[in-house]
Amino acid sequence: MREEKKTEVVDALGLFPDVFLGDVLVSVIGRRVVRVENYRSLILYTDTLVKIQAKTTKLLIRGRGLLVERYCEDEMTVCGAIQSLEFED
């Protein structure tokens, strides 16, 4: 099924896109904490950049003093002075 059609079906049925489409969930708490769910892997980790692979995109977290405080199968927490979040195809 095409991605556009899947999105239409999920929207029409009122389903959660993260579960059915594999979307990454990103929660930002102030400028100090980013929580990421529904990701595939950690690609790059430095104190200024954390790059995460999700199903259909990559998430880049830029900042200073970045620390992956929690890393498990279903959730990751990145702490530090968060400067930006970017999505990369």
PDB file of N, CA and C in Angstrom:
ATOM      1  N   MET A   1       0.857  -1.173   0.000  1.00  0.00           N
ATOM      2  CA  MET A   1       0.000   0.000   0.000  1.00  0.00           C
ATOM      3  C   MET A   1       0.903   1.236   0.000  1.00  0.00           C
ATOM      4  N   ARG A   2       0.604   2.209  -0.837  1.00  0.00           N
ATOM      5  CA  ARG A   2       1.382   3.440  -0.902  1.00  0.00           C
ATOM      6  C   ARG A   2       1.318   4.185   0.423  1.00  0.00           C
ATOM      7  N   GLU A   3       2.380   4.911   0.716  1.00  0.00           N
ATOM      8  CA  GLU A   3       2.486   5.648   1.981  1.00  0.00           C
ATOM      9  C   GLU A   3       1.343   6.658   2.136  1.00  0.00           C
ATOM     10  N   GLU A   4       0.972   7.344   1.049  1.00  0.00           N
ATOM     11  CA  GLU A   4      -0.117   8.333   1.100  1.00  0.00           C
ATOM     12  C   GLU A   4      -1.439   7.656   1.453  1.00  0.00           C
ATOM     13  N   LYS A   5      -1.685   6.500   0.874  1.00  0.00           N
ATOM     14  CA  LYS A   5      -2.921   5.762   1.127  1.00  0.00           C
ATOM     15  C   LYS A   5      -2.960   5.286   2.580  1.00  0.00           C
ATOM     16  N   LYS A   6      -1.812   4.788   3.076  1.00  0.00           N
ATOM     17  CA  LYS A   6      -1.746   4.359   4.478  1.00  0.00           C
ATOM     18  C   LYS A   6      -2.085   5.515   5.407  1.00  0.00           C
ATOM     19  N   THR A   7      -1.526   6.673   5.117  1.00  0.00           N
ATOM     20  CA  THR A   7      -1.780   7.854   5.947  1.00  0.00           C
ATOM     21  C   THR A   7      -3.263   8.208   5.929  1.00  0.00           C
ATOM     22  N   GLU A   8      -3.895   8.155   4.775  1.00  0.00           N
ATOM     23  CA  GLU A   8      -5.325   8.454   4.667  1.00  0.00           C
ATOM     24  C   GLU A   8      -6.154   7.484   5.506  1.00  0.00           C
ATOM     25  N   VAL A   9      -5.826   6.210   5.443  1.00  0.00           N
ATOM     26  CA  VAL A   9      -6.554   5.185   6.191  1.00  0.00           C
ATOM     27  C   VAL A   9      -6.384   5.411   7.690  1.00  0.00           C
ATOM     28  N   VAL A  10      -5.161   5.651   8.127  1.00  0.00           N
ATOM     29  CA  VAL A  10      -4.884   5.884   9.546  1.00  0.00           C
ATOM     30  C   VAL A  10      -5.644   7.114  10.039  1.00  0.00           C
ATOM     31  N   ASP A  11      -5.616   8.196   9.254  1.00  0.00           N
ATOM     32  CA  ASP A  11      -6.346   9.418   9.625  1.00  0.00           C
ATOM     33  C   ASP A  11      -7.847   9.178   9.683  1.00  0.00           C
ATOM     34  N   ALA A  12      -8.388   8.494   8.682  1.00  0.00           N
ATOM     35  CA  ALA A  12      -9.830   8.253   8.609  1.00  0.00           C
ATOM     36  C   ALA A  12     -10.329   7.410   9.776  1.00  0.00           C
ATOM     37  N   LEU A  13      -9.514   6.460  10.214  1.00  0.00           N
ATOM     38  CA  LEU A  13      -9.917   5.586  11.312  1.00  0.00           C
ATOM     39  C   LEU A  13      -9.558   6.150  12.687  1.00  0.00           C
ATOM     40  N   GLY A  14      -8.861   7.276  12.712  1.00  0.00           N
ATOM     41  CA  GLY A  14      -8.484   7.885  13.985  1.00  0.00           C
ATOM     42  C   GLY A  14      -7.453   7.078  14.750  1.00  0.00           C
ATOM     43  N   LEU A  15      -6.580   6.377  14.024  1.00  0.00           N
ATOM     44  CA  LEU A  15      -5.557   5.547  14.654  1.00  0.00           C
ATOM     45  C   LEU A  15      -4.315   6.380  14.969  1.00  0.00           C
ATOM     46  N   PHE A  16      -3.437   5.834  15.787  1.00  0.00           N
ATOM     47  CA  PHE A  16      -2.209   6.525  16.144  1.00  0.00           C
ATOM     48  C   PHE A  16      -1.167   6.320  15.055  1.00  0.00           C
ATOM     49  N   PRO A  17      -0.728   7.395  14.386  1.00  0.00           N
ATOM     50  CA  PRO A  17       0.222   7.259  13.275  1.00  0.00           C
ATOM     51  C   PRO A  17       1.545   6.633  13.686  1.00  0.00           C
ATOM     52  N   ASP A  18       2.013   6.902  14.896  1.00  0.00           N
ATOM     53  CA  ASP A  18       3.297   6.352  15.314  1.00  0.00           C
ATOM     54  C   ASP A  18       3.281   4.832  15.334  1.00  0.00           C
ATOM     55  N   VAL A  19       2.170   4.256  15.721  1.00  0.00           N
ATOM     56  CA  VAL A  19       2.064   2.801  15.812  1.00  0.00           C
ATOM     57  C   VAL A  19       1.912   2.174  14.431  1.00  0.00           C
ATOM     58  N   PHE A  20       1.042   2.718  13.611  1.00  0.00           N
ATOM     59  CA  PHE A  20       0.717   2.080  12.341  1.00  0.00           C
ATOM     60  C   PHE A  20       1.624   2.484  11.177  1.00  0.00           C
ATOM     61  N   LEU A  21       2.238   3.652  11.263  1.00  0.00           N
ATOM     62  CA  LEU A  21       3.109   4.102  10.179  1.00  0.00           C
ATOM     63  C   LEU A  21       4.588   4.059  10.555  1.00  0.00           C
ATOM     64  N   GLY A  22       4.866   3.758  11.804  1.00  0.00           N
ATOM     65  CA  GLY A  22       6.258   3.693  12.246  1.00  0.00           C
ATOM     66  C   GLY A  22       6.885   5.047  12.452  1.00  0.00           C
ATOM     67  N   ASP A  23       6.091   6.075  12.685  1.00  0.00           N
ATOM     68  CA  ASP A  23       6.632   7.413  12.907  1.00  0.00           C
ATOM     69  C   ASP A  23       7.430   7.473  14.193  1.00  0.00           C
ATOM     70  N   VAL A  24       8.470   8.267  14.165  1.00  0.00           N
ATOM     71  CA  VAL A  24       9.285   8.498  15.350  1.00  0.00           C
ATOM     72  C   VAL A  24       8.527   9.486  16.257  1.00  0.00           C
ATOM     73  N   LEU A  25       8.582   9.255  17.553  1.00  0.00           N
ATOM     74  CA  LEU A  25       7.968  10.162  18.529  1.00  0.00           C
ATOM     75  C   LEU A  25       9.075  10.944  19.207  1.00  0.00           C
ATOM     76  N   VAL A  26       8.954  12.270  19.209  1.00  0.00           N
ATOM     77  CA  VAL A  26       9.968  13.124  19.808  1.00  0.00           C
ATOM     78  C   VAL A  26       9.285  14.033  20.821  1.00  0.00           C
ATOM     79  N   SER A  27       9.742  13.981  22.066  1.00  0.00           N
ATOM     80  CA  SER A  27       9.231  14.847  23.122  1.00  0.00           C
ATOM     81  C   SER A  27      10.374  15.746  23.576  1.00  0.00           C
ATOM     82  N   VAL A  28      10.110  17.043  23.609  1.00  0.00           N
ATOM     83  CA  VAL A  28      11.116  18.002  24.031  1.00  0.00           C
ATOM     84  C   VAL A  28      10.671  18.601  25.351  1.00  0.00           C
ATOM     85  N   ILE A  29      11.562  18.560  26.326  1.00  0.00           N
ATOM     86  CA  ILE A  29      11.270  19.121  27.637  1.00  0.00           C
ATOM     87  C   ILE A  29      12.234  20.287  27.835  1.00  0.00           C
ATOM     88  N   GLY A  30      11.699  21.494  27.647  1.00  0.00           N
ATOM     89  CA  GLY A  30      12.541  22.682  27.735  1.00  0.00           C
ATOM     90  C   GLY A  30      13.634  22.637  26.686  1.00  0.00           C
ATOM     91  N   ARG A  31      14.814  23.113  27.056  1.00  0.00           N
ATOM     92  CA  ARG A  31      15.967  23.085  26.153  1.00  0.00           C
ATOM     93  C   ARG A  31      17.023  22.122  26.647  1.00  0.00           C
ATOM     94  N   ARG A  32      16.644  21.241  27.589  1.00  0.00           N
ATOM     95  CA  ARG A  32      17.626  20.367  28.215  1.00  0.00           C
ATOM     96  C   ARG A  32      17.405  18.875  27.962  1.00  0.00           C
ATOM     97  N   VAL A  33      16.212  18.460  27.552  1.00  0.00           N
ATOM     98  CA  VAL A  33      15.920  17.029  27.421  1.00  0.00           C
ATOM     99  C   VAL A  33      15.116  16.755  26.150  1.00  0.00           C
ATOM    100  N   VAL A  34      15.535  15.716  25.408  1.00  0.00           N
ATOM    101  CA  VAL A  34      14.779  15.219  24.254  1.00  0.00           C
ATOM    102  C   VAL A  34      14.577  13.721  24.470  1.00  0.00           C
ATOM    103  N   ARG A  35      13.319  13.303  24.415  1.00  0.00           N
ATOM    104  CA  ARG A  35      13.001  11.881  24.531  1.00  0.00           C
ATOM    105  C   ARG A  35      12.544  11.378  23.169  1.00  0.00           C
ATOM    106  N   VAL A  36      13.126  10.275  22.718  1.00  0.00           N
ATOM    107  CA  VAL A  36      12.835   9.733  21.385  1.00  0.00           C
ATOM    108  C   VAL A  36      12.321   8.311  21.552  1.00  0.00           C
ATOM    109  N   GLU A  37      11.188   8.036  20.899  1.00  0.00           N
ATOM    110  CA  GLU A  37      10.607   6.692  20.906  1.00  0.00           C
ATOM    111  C   GLU A  37      10.398   6.236  19.471  1.00  0.00           C
ATOM    112  N   ASN A  38      10.321   4.932  19.298  1.00  0.00           N
ATOM    113  CA  ASN A  38      10.041   4.324  17.996  1.00  0.00           C
ATOM    114  C   ASN A  38      11.154   4.618  16.994  1.00  0.00           C
ATOM    115  N   TYR A  39      12.383   4.388  17.408  1.00  0.00           N
ATOM    116  CA  TYR A  39      13.533   4.571  16.535  1.00  0.00           C
ATOM    117  C   TYR A  39      14.156   3.206  16.237  1.00  0.00           C
ATOM    118  N   ARG A  40      15.058   3.182  15.275  1.00  0.00           N
ATOM    119  CA  ARG A  40      15.703   1.918  14.901  1.00  0.00           C
ATOM    120  C   ARG A  40      17.104   1.780  15.492  1.00  0.00           C
ATOM    121  N   SER A  41      17.916   2.847  15.372  1.00  0.00           N
ATOM    122  CA  SER A  41      19.288   2.738  15.864  1.00  0.00           C
ATOM    123  C   SER A  41      19.907   4.112  16.089  1.00  0.00           C
ATOM    124  N   LEU A  42      20.994   4.092  16.807  1.00  0.00           N
ATOM    125  CA  LEU A  42      21.812   5.279  17.039  1.00  0.00           C
ATOM    126  C   LEU A  42      22.936   5.244  16.006  1.00  0.00           C
ATOM    127  N   ILE A  43      22.996   6.261  15.149  1.00  0.00           N
ATOM    128  CA  ILE A  43      23.978   6.294  14.062  1.00  0.00           C
ATOM    129  C   ILE A  43      25.273   6.974  14.497  1.00  0.00           C
ATOM    130  N   LEU A  44      25.142   8.121  15.175  1.00  0.00           N
ATOM    131  CA  LEU A  44      26.302   8.915  15.551  1.00  0.00           C
ATOM    132  C   LEU A  44      26.048   9.547  16.908  1.00  0.00           C
ATOM    133  N   TYR A  45      27.076   9.560  17.750  1.00  0.00           N
ATOM    134  CA  TYR A  45      26.921  10.121  19.090  1.00  0.00           C
ATOM    135  C   TYR A  45      28.198  10.857  19.482  1.00  0.00           C
ATOM    136  N   THR A  46      28.110  12.191  19.546  1.00  0.00           N
ATOM    137  CA  THR A  46      29.196  13.013  20.063  1.00  0.00           C
ATOM    138  C   THR A  46      28.587  13.978  21.079  1.00  0.00           C
ATOM    139  N   ASP A  47      29.411  14.805  21.682  1.00  0.00           N
ATOM    140  CA  ASP A  47      28.882  15.760  22.662  1.00  0.00           C
ATOM    141  C   ASP A  47      28.198  16.964  22.005  1.00  0.00           C
ATOM    142  N   THR A  48      28.249  17.046  20.653  1.00  0.00           N
ATOM    143  CA  THR A  48      27.568  18.133  19.944  1.00  0.00           C
ATOM    144  C   THR A  48      26.508  17.661  18.951  1.00  0.00           C
ATOM    145  N   LEU A  49      26.464  16.348  18.666  1.00  0.00           N
ATOM    146  CA  LEU A  49      25.503  15.820  17.695  1.00  0.00           C
ATOM    147  C   LEU A  49      25.119  14.382  18.034  1.00  0.00           C
ATOM    148  N   VAL A  50      23.813  14.132  18.036  1.00  0.00           N
ATOM    149  CA  VAL A  50      23.294  12.770  18.164  1.00  0.00           C
ATOM    150  C   VAL A  50      22.429  12.541  16.932  1.00  0.00           C
ATOM    151  N   LYS A  51      22.765  11.505  16.151  1.00  0.00           N
ATOM    152  CA  LYS A  51      22.033  11.195  14.921  1.00  0.00           C
ATOM    153  C   LYS A  51      21.362   9.840  15.100  1.00  0.00           C
ATOM    154  N   ILE A  52      20.046   9.825  14.909  1.00  0.00           N
ATOM    155  CA  ILE A  52      19.230   8.646  15.180  1.00  0.00           C
ATOM    156  C   ILE A  52      18.499   8.223  13.914  1.00  0.00           C
ATOM    157  N   GLN A  53      18.509   6.929  13.620  1.00  0.00           N
ATOM    158  CA  GLN A  53      17.775   6.385  12.469  1.00  0.00           C
ATOM    159  C   GLN A  53      16.386   5.952  12.920  1.00  0.00           C
ATOM    160  N   ALA A  54      15.358   6.499  12.288  1.00  0.00           N
ATOM    161  CA  ALA A  54      13.980   6.049  12.485  1.00  0.00           C
ATOM    162  C   ALA A  54      13.584   5.256  11.243  1.00  0.00           C
ATOM    163  N   LYS A  55      12.341   4.864  11.148  1.00  0.00           N
ATOM    164  CA  LYS A  55      11.906   4.038  10.012  1.00  0.00           C
ATOM    165  C   LYS A  55      12.057   4.764   8.683  1.00  0.00           C
ATOM    166  N   THR A  56      11.593   6.000   8.607  1.00  0.00           N
ATOM    167  CA  THR A  56      11.573   6.707   7.330  1.00  0.00           C
ATOM    168  C   THR A  56      12.422   7.972   7.307  1.00  0.00           C
ATOM    169  N   THR A  57      13.094   8.295   8.400  1.00  0.00           N
ATOM    170  CA  THR A  57      13.866   9.530   8.468  1.00  0.00           C
ATOM    171  C   THR A  57      15.005   9.385   9.470  1.00  0.00           C
ATOM    172  N   LYS A  58      15.880  10.346   9.461  1.00  0.00           N
ATOM    173  CA  LYS A  58      16.922  10.439  10.477  1.00  0.00           C
ATOM    174  C   LYS A  58      16.630  11.683  11.312  1.00  0.00           C
ATOM    175  N   LEU A  59      16.867  11.597  12.604  1.00  0.00           N
ATOM    176  CA  LEU A  59      16.688  12.720  13.514  1.00  0.00           C
ATOM    177  C   LEU A  59      18.059  13.170  13.978  1.00  0.00           C
ATOM    178  N   LEU A  60      18.346  14.460  13.829  1.00  0.00           N
ATOM    179  CA  LEU A  60      19.604  15.028  14.284  1.00  0.00           C
ATOM    180  C   LEU A  60      19.320  15.959  15.454  1.00  0.00           C
ATOM    181  N   ILE A  61      19.978  15.708  16.558  1.00  0.00           N
ATOM    182  CA  ILE A  61      19.870  16.556  17.739  1.00  0.00           C
ATOM    183  C   ILE A  61      21.219  17.246  17.894  1.00  0.00           C
ATOM    184  N   ARG A  62      21.219  18.573  17.803  1.00  0.00           N
ATOM    185  CA  ARG A  62      22.458  19.344  17.916  1.00  0.00           C
ATOM    186  C   ARG A  62      22.443  20.122  19.224  1.00  0.00           C
ATOM    187  N   GLY A  63      23.624  20.276  19.803  1.00  0.00           N
ATOM    188  CA  GLY A  63      23.716  21.033  21.043  1.00  0.00           C
ATOM    189  C   GLY A  63      25.118  21.003  21.612  1.00  0.00           C
ATOM    190  N   ARG A  64      25.208  21.288  22.904  1.00  0.00           N
ATOM    191  CA  ARG A  64      26.483  21.276  23.615  1.00  0.00           C
ATOM    192  C   ARG A  64      26.350  20.363  24.823  1.00  0.00           C
ATOM    193  N   GLY A  65      27.389  19.609  25.093  1.00  0.00           N
ATOM    194  CA  GLY A  65      27.383  18.730  26.256  1.00  0.00           C
ATOM    195  C   GLY A  65      26.310  17.659  26.193  1.00  0.00           C
ATOM    196  N   LEU A  66      26.040  17.148  24.999  1.00  0.00           N
ATOM    197  CA  LEU A  66      24.980  16.146  24.839  1.00  0.00           C
ATOM    198  C   LEU A  66      25.393  14.815  25.461  1.00  0.00           C
ATOM    199  N   LEU A  67      24.447  14.198  26.109  1.00  0.00           N
ATOM    200  CA  LEU A  67      24.668  12.921  26.781  1.00  0.00           C
ATOM    201  C   LEU A  67      23.441  12.039  26.572  1.00  0.00           C
ATOM    202  N   VAL A  68      23.661  10.837  26.061  1.00  0.00           N
ATOM    203  CA  VAL A  68      22.562   9.876  25.948  1.00  0.00           C
ATOM    204  C   VAL A  68      22.402   9.269  27.338  1.00  0.00           C
ATOM    205  N   GLU A  69      21.423   9.776  28.061  1.00  0.00           N
ATOM    206  CA  GLU A  69      21.217   9.375  29.449  1.00  0.00           C
ATOM    207  C   GLU A  69      20.527   8.025  29.561  1.00  0.00           C
ATOM    208  N   ARG A  70      19.619   7.749  28.616  1.00  0.00           N
ATOM    209  CA  ARG A  70      18.898   6.470  28.617  1.00  0.00           C
ATOM    210  C   ARG A  70      18.871   5.948  27.189  1.00  0.00           C
ATOM    211  N   TYR A  71      19.213   4.663  27.028  1.00  0.00           N
ATOM    212  CA  TYR A  71      19.207   4.052  25.701  1.00  0.00           C
ATOM    213  C   TYR A  71      18.747   2.612  25.860  1.00  0.00           C
ATOM    214  N   CYS A  72      17.540   2.349  25.407  1.00  0.00           N
ATOM    215  CA  CYS A  72      17.035   0.987  25.444  1.00  0.00           C
ATOM    216  C   CYS A  72      16.262   0.712  24.157  1.00  0.00           C
ATOM    217  N   GLU A  73      15.679  -0.438  24.058  1.00  0.00           N
ATOM    218  CA  GLU A  73      15.028  -0.886  22.832  1.00  0.00           C
ATOM    219  C   GLU A  73      13.912   0.046  22.354  1.00  0.00           C
ATOM    220  N   ASP A  74      13.177   0.640  23.271  1.00  0.00           N
ATOM    221  CA  ASP A  74      12.006   1.423  22.863  1.00  0.00           C
ATOM    222  C   ASP A  74      12.085   2.910  23.166  1.00  0.00           C
ATOM    223  N   GLU A  75      13.138   3.368  23.843  1.00  0.00           N
ATOM    224  CA  GLU A  75      13.201   4.775  24.222  1.00  0.00           C
ATOM    225  C   GLU A  75      14.646   5.224  24.408  1.00  0.00           C
ATOM    226  N   MET A  76      14.883   6.492  24.037  1.00  0.00           N
ATOM    227  CA  MET A  76      16.193   7.100  24.239  1.00  0.00           C
ATOM    228  C   MET A  76      15.972   8.498  24.806  1.00  0.00           C
ATOM    229  N   THR A  77      16.808   8.884  25.768  1.00  0.00           N
ATOM    230  CA  THR A  77      16.746  10.224  26.335  1.00  0.00           C
ATOM    231  C   THR A  77      18.100  10.887  26.151  1.00  0.00           C
ATOM    232  N   VAL A  78      18.074  12.069  25.526  1.00  0.00           N
ATOM    233  CA  VAL A  78      19.284  12.844  25.296  1.00  0.00           C
ATOM    234  C   VAL A  78      19.184  14.114  26.130  1.00  0.00           C
ATOM    235  N   CYS A  79      20.216  14.383  26.933  1.00  0.00           N
ATOM    236  CA  CYS A  79      20.241  15.566  27.786  1.00  0.00           C
ATOM    237  C   CYS A  79      21.411  16.457  27.390  1.00  0.00           C
ATOM    238  N   GLY A  80      21.304  17.733  27.702  1.00  0.00           N
ATOM    239  CA  GLY A  80      22.361  18.700  27.422  1.00  0.00           C
ATOM    240  C   GLY A  80      21.737  20.016  27.006  1.00  0.00           C
ATOM    241  N   ALA A  81      22.549  20.905  26.485  1.00  0.00           N
ATOM    242  CA  ALA A  81      22.061  22.199  25.997  1.00  0.00           C
ATOM    243  C   ALA A  81      21.605  22.001  24.547  1.00  0.00           C
ATOM    244  N   ILE A  82      20.325  21.723  24.369  1.00  0.00           N
ATOM    245  CA  ILE A  82      19.762  21.425  23.049  1.00  0.00           C
ATOM    246  C   ILE A  82      19.673  22.719  22.239  1.00  0.00           C
ATOM    247  N   GLN A  83      20.249  22.704  21.043  1.00  0.00           N
ATOM    248  CA  GLN A  83      20.199  23.883  20.176  1.00  0.00           C
ATOM    249  C   GLN A  83      19.219  23.716  19.012  1.00  0.00           C
ATOM    250  N   SER A  84      19.123  22.482  18.473  1.00  0.00           N
ATOM    251  CA  SER A  84      18.199  22.277  17.353  1.00  0.00           C
ATOM    252  C   SER A  84      17.876  20.802  17.166  1.00  0.00           C
ATOM    253  N   LEU A  85      16.737  20.578  16.530  1.00  0.00           N
ATOM    254  CA  LEU A  85      16.309  19.246  16.083  1.00  0.00           C
ATOM    255  C   LEU A  85      16.077  19.351  14.585  1.00  0.00           C
ATOM    256  N   GLU A  86      16.576  18.380  13.835  1.00  0.00           N
ATOM    257  CA  GLU A  86      16.396  18.387  12.387  1.00  0.00           C
ATOM    258  C   GLU A  86      16.004  16.999  11.921  1.00  0.00           C
ATOM    259  N   PHE A  87      15.228  16.951  10.844  1.00  0.00           N
ATOM    260  CA  PHE A  87      14.890  15.685  10.209  1.00  0.00           C
ATOM    261  C   PHE A  87      15.604  15.646   8.861  1.00  0.00           C
ATOM    262  N   GLU A  88      16.172  14.493   8.548  1.00  0.00           N
ATOM    263  CA  GLU A  88      16.923  14.300   7.317  1.00  0.00           C
ATOM    264  C   GLU A  88      16.405  13.045   6.626  1.00  0.00           C
ATOM    265  N   ASP A  89      16.139  13.135   5.331  1.00  0.00           N
ATOM    266  CA  ASP A  89      15.645  11.966   4.590  1.00  0.00           C
ATOM    267  C   ASP A  89      16.763  11.047   4.182  1.00  0.00           C
TER     268      ASP A  89
END
